[in-house]
Amino acid sequence: MRNWLKLNRKKRFLKSKKLIAFNKKNLNNWMHLTKKERYNLSKQESIFYLDKRKLLLDEIRKEYKEISRVDSQKNIKKK
């Protein structure tokens, strides 16, 4: 009975854990997913990409502000 419970837990754990990053090597895994699973994965990737892009834009804006401040201070000192 214990062995059966352990096996059952492992199966559930393995089923819930899907591959997220797909490439040429695991293309067959992507093809065996259902339409709903593919949609959910693409939606998650889209959200992840959007968050990453927002962070990058924030960093760029901060750097631009710092650079523009330094340049403006140099221009003021020259005059």
N, C-alpha and C. Protein backbone atom coordinates (compact mmCIF):
# COMPACT_ATOMS: atom_id res chain seq x y z
N MET A 1 0.82 -1.19 0.00
CA MET A 1 0.00 0.00 0.00
C MET A 1 0.87 1.26 0.00
N ARG A 2 1.93 1.25 0.82
CA ARG A 2 2.82 2.41 0.88
C ARG A 2 3.50 2.65 -0.46
N ASN A 3 3.95 1.59 -1.06
CA ASN A 3 4.61 1.72 -2.35
C ASN A 3 3.67 2.30 -3.40
N TRP A 4 2.46 1.89 -3.37
CA TRP A 4 1.47 2.40 -4.32
C TRP A 4 1.25 3.90 -4.10
N LEU A 5 1.16 4.32 -2.82
CA LEU A 5 0.99 5.75 -2.53
C LEU A 5 2.20 6.56 -2.99
N LYS A 6 3.40 6.04 -2.75
CA LYS A 6 4.60 6.73 -3.19
C LYS A 6 4.63 6.87 -4.71
N LEU A 7 4.30 5.79 -5.39
CA LEU A 7 4.28 5.82 -6.84
C LEU A 7 3.24 6.82 -7.36
N ASN A 8 2.10 6.83 -6.73
CA ASN A 8 1.03 7.72 -7.13
C ASN A 8 1.44 9.18 -6.94
N ARG A 9 2.12 9.48 -5.84
CA ARG A 9 2.59 10.85 -5.60
C ARG A 9 3.60 11.26 -6.66
N LYS A 10 4.52 10.36 -6.97
CA LYS A 10 5.54 10.68 -7.97
C LYS A 10 4.91 10.95 -9.33
N LYS A 11 3.92 10.15 -9.68
CA LYS A 11 3.26 10.35 -10.97
C LYS A 11 2.59 11.72 -11.03
N ARG A 12 1.89 12.08 -9.94
CA ARG A 12 1.23 13.38 -9.93
C ARG A 12 2.23 14.51 -10.02
N PHE A 13 3.35 14.37 -9.31
CA PHE A 13 4.37 15.41 -9.32
C PHE A 13 4.98 15.55 -10.72
N LEU A 14 5.26 14.43 -11.34
CA LEU A 14 5.87 14.47 -12.66
C LEU A 14 4.90 15.01 -13.71
N LYS A 15 3.64 14.70 -13.58
CA LYS A 15 2.66 15.20 -14.54
C LYS A 15 2.49 16.71 -14.43
N SER A 16 2.50 17.22 -13.19
CA SER A 16 2.27 18.65 -13.01
C SER A 16 3.46 19.47 -13.48
N LYS A 17 4.63 18.86 -13.53
CA LYS A 17 5.83 19.58 -13.94
C LYS A 17 6.05 19.37 -15.43
N LYS A 18 5.75 20.37 -16.21
CA LYS A 18 5.93 20.31 -17.66
C LYS A 18 7.18 21.07 -18.06
N LEU A 19 7.74 20.73 -19.20
CA LEU A 19 8.87 21.47 -19.73
C LEU A 19 8.40 22.84 -20.18
N ILE A 20 9.11 23.86 -19.81
CA ILE A 20 8.70 25.21 -20.17
C ILE A 20 9.47 25.69 -21.39
N ALA A 21 10.77 25.46 -21.42
CA ALA A 21 11.58 25.92 -22.54
C ALA A 21 11.62 24.84 -23.61
N PHE A 22 11.17 25.16 -24.78
CA PHE A 22 11.18 24.21 -25.88
C PHE A 22 12.21 24.64 -26.91
N ASN A 23 12.86 23.66 -27.51
CA ASN A 23 13.83 23.91 -28.57
C ASN A 23 13.77 22.76 -29.56
N LYS A 24 14.75 22.70 -30.45
CA LYS A 24 14.74 21.66 -31.48
C LYS A 24 14.80 20.25 -30.89
N LYS A 25 15.52 20.09 -29.79
CA LYS A 25 15.69 18.77 -29.21
C LYS A 25 14.40 18.20 -28.64
N ASN A 26 13.56 19.06 -28.07
CA ASN A 26 12.33 18.56 -27.47
C ASN A 26 11.09 19.05 -28.23
N LEU A 27 11.21 19.16 -29.52
CA LEU A 27 10.09 19.59 -30.36
C LEU A 27 8.91 18.61 -30.26
N ASN A 28 9.21 17.33 -30.18
CA ASN A 28 8.14 16.34 -30.07
C ASN A 28 7.31 16.55 -28.81
N ASN A 29 7.96 16.95 -27.73
CA ASN A 29 7.21 17.22 -26.49
C ASN A 29 6.21 18.35 -26.72
N TRP A 30 6.63 19.38 -27.46
CA TRP A 30 5.73 20.50 -27.76
C TRP A 30 4.56 20.01 -28.62
N MET A 31 4.85 19.16 -29.56
CA MET A 31 3.80 18.68 -30.45
C MET A 31 2.79 17.78 -29.73
N HIS A 32 3.20 17.13 -28.67
CA HIS A 32 2.31 16.25 -27.94
C HIS A 32 1.45 16.97 -26.90
N LEU A 33 1.69 18.26 -26.74
CA LEU A 33 0.85 19.02 -25.80
C LEU A 33 -0.51 19.29 -26.43
N THR A 34 -1.49 19.47 -25.58
CA THR A 34 -2.81 19.81 -26.10
C THR A 34 -2.83 21.28 -26.50
N LYS A 35 -3.85 21.65 -27.20
CA LYS A 35 -3.97 23.03 -27.67
C LYS A 35 -4.04 23.99 -26.48
N LYS A 36 -4.77 23.59 -25.46
CA LYS A 36 -4.91 24.44 -24.27
C LYS A 36 -3.57 24.59 -23.54
N GLU A 37 -2.81 23.51 -23.44
CA GLU A 37 -1.50 23.57 -22.78
C GLU A 37 -0.54 24.47 -23.56
N ARG A 38 -0.55 24.34 -24.89
CA ARG A 38 0.31 25.21 -25.71
C ARG A 38 -0.09 26.67 -25.54
N TYR A 39 -1.38 26.93 -25.50
CA TYR A 39 -1.87 28.30 -25.33
C TYR A 39 -1.41 28.86 -23.98
N ASN A 40 -1.57 28.07 -22.92
CA ASN A 40 -1.17 28.53 -21.59
C ASN A 40 0.33 28.78 -21.52
N LEU A 41 1.12 27.90 -22.13
CA LEU A 41 2.57 28.10 -22.13
C LEU A 41 2.96 29.36 -22.89
N SER A 42 2.35 29.57 -24.03
CA SER A 42 2.69 30.77 -24.81
C SER A 42 2.25 32.03 -24.05
N LYS A 43 1.14 31.94 -23.34
CA LYS A 43 0.68 33.07 -22.55
C LYS A 43 1.66 33.38 -21.42
N GLN A 44 2.15 32.35 -20.75
CA GLN A 44 3.14 32.53 -19.67
C GLN A 44 4.43 33.14 -20.22
N GLU A 45 4.88 32.64 -21.36
CA GLU A 45 6.09 33.19 -21.97
C GLU A 45 5.90 34.64 -22.36
N SER A 46 4.73 34.96 -22.84
CA SER A 46 4.43 36.33 -23.22
C SER A 46 4.48 37.25 -22.01
N ILE A 47 3.90 36.82 -20.91
CA ILE A 47 3.91 37.61 -19.68
C ILE A 47 5.34 37.78 -19.17
N PHE A 48 6.11 36.70 -19.21
CA PHE A 48 7.50 36.75 -18.77
C PHE A 48 8.30 37.73 -19.63
N TYR A 49 8.10 37.67 -20.94
CA TYR A 49 8.80 38.56 -21.86
C TYR A 49 8.42 40.01 -21.59
N LEU A 50 7.16 40.25 -21.35
CA LEU A 50 6.68 41.61 -21.07
C LEU A 50 7.32 42.16 -19.80
N ASP A 51 7.38 41.35 -18.75
CA ASP A 51 8.01 41.78 -17.50
C ASP A 51 9.49 42.08 -17.69
N LYS A 52 10.16 41.20 -18.42
CA LYS A 52 11.58 41.38 -18.68
C LYS A 52 11.83 42.67 -19.47
N ARG A 53 10.96 42.93 -20.42
CA ARG A 53 11.09 44.13 -21.25
C ARG A 53 10.86 45.39 -20.43
N LYS A 54 9.89 45.36 -19.53
CA LYS A 54 9.64 46.51 -18.66
C LYS A 54 10.85 46.81 -17.79
N LEU A 55 11.46 45.78 -17.22
CA LEU A 55 12.65 45.98 -16.40
C LEU A 55 13.79 46.58 -17.21
N LEU A 56 13.97 46.09 -18.41
CA LEU A 56 15.02 46.61 -19.26
C LEU A 56 14.78 48.07 -19.62
N LEU A 57 13.54 48.41 -19.92
CA LEU A 57 13.21 49.80 -20.24
C LEU A 57 13.45 50.71 -19.03
N ASP A 58 13.12 50.24 -17.84
CA ASP A 58 13.38 51.04 -16.64
C ASP A 58 14.87 51.30 -16.45
N GLU A 59 15.68 50.25 -16.68
CA GLU A 59 17.13 50.42 -16.57
C GLU A 59 17.64 51.43 -17.59
N ILE A 60 17.15 51.34 -18.80
CA ILE A 60 17.58 52.26 -19.86
C ILE A 60 17.19 53.69 -19.50
N ARG A 61 16.00 53.88 -18.99
CA ARG A 61 15.56 55.22 -18.60
C ARG A 61 16.42 55.79 -17.48
N LYS A 62 16.75 54.97 -16.49
CA LYS A 62 17.61 55.42 -15.39
C LYS A 62 18.98 55.83 -15.91
N GLU A 63 19.56 55.02 -16.76
CA GLU A 63 20.87 55.34 -17.32
C GLU A 63 20.81 56.62 -18.15
N TYR A 64 19.77 56.78 -18.91
CA TYR A 64 19.62 57.98 -19.74
C TYR A 64 19.53 59.22 -18.86
N LYS A 65 18.77 59.13 -17.76
CA LYS A 65 18.66 60.26 -16.85
C LYS A 65 20.00 60.64 -16.26
N GLU A 66 20.77 59.62 -15.85
CA GLU A 66 22.09 59.88 -15.27
C GLU A 66 23.02 60.51 -16.31
N ILE A 67 23.00 60.00 -17.51
CA ILE A 67 23.87 60.53 -18.56
C ILE A 67 23.47 61.96 -18.89
N SER A 68 22.19 62.23 -19.00
CA SER A 68 21.74 63.57 -19.34
C SER A 68 22.07 64.56 -18.22
N ARG A 69 22.00 64.12 -16.97
CA ARG A 69 22.38 65.00 -15.86
C ARG A 69 23.85 65.36 -15.92
N VAL A 70 24.67 64.35 -16.13
CA VAL A 70 26.11 64.58 -16.21
C VAL A 70 26.44 65.51 -17.37
N ASP A 71 25.83 65.31 -18.50
CA ASP A 71 26.07 66.16 -19.67
C ASP A 71 25.61 67.59 -19.41
N SER A 72 24.46 67.72 -18.79
CA SER A 72 23.95 69.07 -18.52
C SER A 72 24.84 69.80 -17.51
N GLN A 73 25.36 69.08 -16.53
CA GLN A 73 26.27 69.70 -15.56
C GLN A 73 27.57 70.12 -16.22
N LYS A 74 28.07 69.31 -17.15
CA LYS A 74 29.28 69.67 -17.88
C LYS A 74 29.05 70.91 -18.71
N ASN A 75 27.90 71.00 -19.34
CA ASN A 75 27.59 72.17 -20.17
C ASN A 75 27.48 73.43 -19.32
N ILE A 76 26.91 73.29 -18.15
CA ILE A 76 26.77 74.45 -17.26
C ILE A 76 28.14 74.92 -16.78
N LYS A 77 29.02 74.00 -16.46
CA LYS A 77 30.36 74.35 -16.00
C LYS A 77 31.19 75.02 -17.10
N LYS A 78 31.00 74.60 -18.35
CA LYS A 78 31.74 75.19 -19.47
C LYS A 78 31.36 76.64 -19.69
N LYS A 79 30.12 76.98 -19.44
CA LYS A 79 29.67 78.36 -19.70
C LYS A 79 30.17 79.22 -18.61
